[in-house]
Amino acid sequence: MNLAQKKCVACEGGMPPMPNFLVKKYLKKVKKWKVNSKGRLYKEFKFKNFKEALKFVNKVGNIAEKNGHHPDIYFTWGKCNIELYTHAINGLSENDFILAAKIDKI
């Protein structure tokens, strides 16, 4: 199944983060997302102005609320950086890649 068609599942603490071999496999399923130095899924989006960046951020927020999985969002004039990780396990889970795929469809 396409990641963007999946639904995020509630994640409880005590589970281990996704192992590196799965992270590499899932990275191939999302467009231009990377794992940053903090071990979080990361992508930078560029826009022509502040208004367009804000519009995008609001769409990401709506998707996050619908899925119960919330990214860290940093935005400024013409740019938005998104970090995804599963807070409950302090690492990556399938939910992060599902949300990344949904964000890419905006």
C-alpha atoms as a PDB file:
ATOM      1  CA  MET A   1       0.000   0.000   0.000  1.00  0.00           C
ATOM      2  CA  ASN A   2       1.113   3.544  -0.782  1.00  0.00           C
ATOM      3  CA  LEU A   3       2.305   5.295   2.407  1.00  0.00           C
ATOM      4  CA  ALA A   4       0.071   8.324   1.741  1.00  0.00           C
ATOM      5  CA  GLN A   5      -2.972   6.025   1.830  1.00  0.00           C
ATOM      6  CA  LYS A   6      -2.111   4.569   5.234  1.00  0.00           C
ATOM      7  CA  LYS A   7      -3.275   5.968   8.547  1.00  0.00           C
ATOM      8  CA  CYS A   8      -1.049   6.821  11.472  1.00  0.00           C
ATOM      9  CA  VAL A   9      -1.502   4.477  14.414  1.00  0.00           C
ATOM     10  CA  ALA A  10      -1.203   5.599  18.011  1.00  0.00           C
ATOM     11  CA  CYS A  11       2.280   4.839  19.314  1.00  0.00           C
ATOM     12  CA  GLU A  12       3.052   4.202  22.951  1.00  0.00           C
ATOM     13  CA  GLY A  13       6.347   4.621  24.727  1.00  0.00           C
ATOM     14  CA  GLY A  14       8.402   1.544  25.431  1.00  0.00           C
ATOM     15  CA  MET A  15       8.577   0.539  21.778  1.00  0.00           C
ATOM     16  CA  PRO A  16      11.979   0.736  20.097  1.00  0.00           C
ATOM     17  CA  PRO A  17      12.496   3.253  17.286  1.00  0.00           C
ATOM     18  CA  MET A  18      12.591   1.957  13.727  1.00  0.00           C
ATOM     19  CA  PRO A  19      15.901   0.177  13.018  1.00  0.00           C
ATOM     20  CA  ASN A  20      18.289   1.800  10.524  1.00  0.00           C
ATOM     21  CA  PHE A  21      17.757  -0.807   7.806  1.00  0.00           C
ATOM     22  CA  LEU A  22      14.016   0.003   7.791  1.00  0.00           C
ATOM     23  CA  VAL A  23      14.671   3.748   7.880  1.00  0.00           C
ATOM     24  CA  LYS A  24      16.755   3.367   4.695  1.00  0.00           C
ATOM     25  CA  LYS A  25      13.999   1.317   3.068  1.00  0.00           C
ATOM     26  CA  TYR A  26      11.305   3.862   3.962  1.00  0.00           C
ATOM     27  CA  LEU A  27      13.427   6.834   2.831  1.00  0.00           C
ATOM     28  CA  LYS A  28      13.168   5.449  -0.683  1.00  0.00           C
ATOM     29  CA  LYS A  29       9.368   5.788  -0.456  1.00  0.00           C
ATOM     30  CA  VAL A  30       9.293   9.534   0.298  1.00  0.00           C
ATOM     31  CA  LYS A  31      10.479  12.368  -1.947  1.00  0.00           C
ATOM     32  CA  LYS A  32      13.711  14.116  -0.905  1.00  0.00           C
ATOM     33  CA  TRP A  33      13.250  13.599   2.837  1.00  0.00           C
ATOM     34  CA  LYS A  34      16.451  13.042   4.800  1.00  0.00           C
ATOM     35  CA  VAL A  35      17.404  11.991   8.293  1.00  0.00           C
ATOM     36  CA  ASN A  36      19.146  14.896  10.024  1.00  0.00           C
ATOM     37  CA  SER A  37      21.869  14.834  12.679  1.00  0.00           C
ATOM     38  CA  LYS A  38      19.214  14.493  15.420  1.00  0.00           C
ATOM     39  CA  GLY A  39      17.878  11.308  13.809  1.00  0.00           C
ATOM     40  CA  ARG A  40      14.679  12.990  12.647  1.00  0.00           C
ATOM     41  CA  LEU A  41      13.028  12.922   9.258  1.00  0.00           C
ATOM     42  CA  TYR A  42      13.580  16.342   7.719  1.00  0.00           C
ATOM     43  CA  LYS A  43      12.686  18.325   4.613  1.00  0.00           C
ATOM     44  CA  GLU A  44      12.890  21.956   3.576  1.00  0.00           C
ATOM     45  CA  PHE A  45      10.171  23.462   1.397  1.00  0.00           C
ATOM     46  CA  LYS A  46      10.597  26.758  -0.470  1.00  0.00           C
ATOM     47  CA  PHE A  47       7.902  29.231  -1.479  1.00  0.00           C
ATOM     48  CA  LYS A  48       7.708  32.526  -3.311  1.00  0.00           C
ATOM     49  CA  ASN A  49       6.599  34.500  -0.234  1.00  0.00           C
ATOM     50  CA  PHE A  50       5.415  34.403   3.390  1.00  0.00           C
ATOM     51  CA  LYS A  51       1.740  33.968   2.471  1.00  0.00           C
ATOM     52  CA  GLU A  52       2.425  30.810   0.449  1.00  0.00           C
ATOM     53  CA  ALA A  53       4.578  29.351   3.227  1.00  0.00           C
ATOM     54  CA  LEU A  54       1.825  30.044   5.784  1.00  0.00           C
ATOM     55  CA  LYS A  55      -0.805  28.461   3.520  1.00  0.00           C
ATOM     56  CA  PHE A  56       1.354  25.326   3.300  1.00  0.00           C
ATOM     57  CA  VAL A  57       1.926  25.258   7.079  1.00  0.00           C
ATOM     58  CA  ASN A  58      -1.838  25.434   7.677  1.00  0.00           C
ATOM     59  CA  LYS A  59      -2.411  22.502   5.300  1.00  0.00           C
ATOM     60  CA  VAL A  60       0.291  20.490   7.090  1.00  0.00           C
ATOM     61  CA  GLY A  61      -1.386  21.324  10.405  1.00  0.00           C
ATOM     62  CA  ASN A  62      -4.745  20.031   9.155  1.00  0.00           C
ATOM     63  CA  ILE A  63      -3.190  16.777   7.959  1.00  0.00           C
ATOM     64  CA  ALA A  64      -1.342  16.372  11.254  1.00  0.00           C
ATOM     65  CA  GLU A  65      -4.537  16.869  13.271  1.00  0.00           C
ATOM     66  CA  LYS A  66      -6.467  14.362  11.150  1.00  0.00           C
ATOM     67  CA  ASN A  67      -3.718  11.792  11.690  1.00  0.00           C
ATOM     68  CA  GLY A  68      -2.969  12.497  15.349  1.00  0.00           C
ATOM     69  CA  HIS A  69       0.735  12.793  14.516  1.00  0.00           C
ATOM     70  CA  HIS A  70       2.340  16.206  14.791  1.00  0.00           C
ATOM     71  CA  PRO A  71       5.566  17.460  13.184  1.00  0.00           C
ATOM     72  CA  ASP A  72       7.859  20.190  14.360  1.00  0.00           C
ATOM     73  CA  ILE A  73       7.340  23.035  11.909  1.00  0.00           C
ATOM     74  CA  TYR A  74       9.639  26.022  11.470  1.00  0.00           C
ATOM     75  CA  PHE A  75       8.713  28.622   8.902  1.00  0.00           C
ATOM     76  CA  THR A  76       9.688  32.080   7.795  1.00  0.00           C
ATOM     77  CA  TRP A  77       9.402  34.185   4.661  1.00  0.00           C
ATOM     78  CA  GLY A  78       9.472  31.801   1.698  1.00  0.00           C
ATOM     79  CA  LYS A  79      10.619  28.745   3.595  1.00  0.00           C
ATOM     80  CA  CYS A  80       9.292  25.955   5.793  1.00  0.00           C
ATOM     81  CA  ASN A  81      11.318  23.240   7.493  1.00  0.00           C
ATOM     82  CA  ILE A  82       9.555  20.168   8.818  1.00  0.00           C
ATOM     83  CA  GLU A  83      10.960  17.611  11.249  1.00  0.00           C
ATOM     84  CA  LEU A  84       9.147  14.385  11.954  1.00  0.00           C
ATOM     85  CA  TYR A  85       9.813  11.910  14.702  1.00  0.00           C
ATOM     86  CA  THR A  86       7.723   9.959  17.142  1.00  0.00           C
ATOM     87  CA  HIS A  87       7.954  11.745  20.477  1.00  0.00           C
ATOM     88  CA  ALA A  88       6.739   8.741  22.498  1.00  0.00           C
ATOM     89  CA  ILE A  89       9.727   6.636  21.412  1.00  0.00           C
ATOM     90  CA  ASN A  90      12.155   9.494  20.745  1.00  0.00           C
ATOM     91  CA  GLY A  91      12.892   8.127  17.295  1.00  0.00           C
ATOM     92  CA  LEU A  92      11.400   7.277  13.932  1.00  0.00           C
ATOM     93  CA  SER A  93       8.375   5.084  13.334  1.00  0.00           C
ATOM     94  CA  GLU A  94       6.277   4.248  10.287  1.00  0.00           C
ATOM     95  CA  ASN A  95       3.957   7.127  11.279  1.00  0.00           C
ATOM     96  CA  ASP A  96       6.691   9.627  10.430  1.00  0.00           C
ATOM     97  CA  PHE A  97       6.994   8.287   6.906  1.00  0.00           C
ATOM     98  CA  ILE A  98       3.217   8.113   6.476  1.00  0.00           C
ATOM     99  CA  LEU A  99       2.901  11.782   7.430  1.00  0.00           C
ATOM    100  CA  ALA A 100       5.847  12.713   5.179  1.00  0.00           C
ATOM    101  CA  ALA A 101       4.109  11.019   2.220  1.00  0.00           C
ATOM    102  CA  LYS A 102       0.865  12.844   3.002  1.00  0.00           C
ATOM    103  CA  ILE A 103       2.699  16.187   3.231  1.00  0.00           C
ATOM    104  CA  ASP A 104       4.294  15.540  -0.151  1.00  0.00           C
ATOM    105  CA  LYS A 105       0.812  15.294  -1.688  1.00  0.00           C
ATOM    106  CA  ILE A 106      -0.029  18.914  -0.775  1.00  0.00           C
END
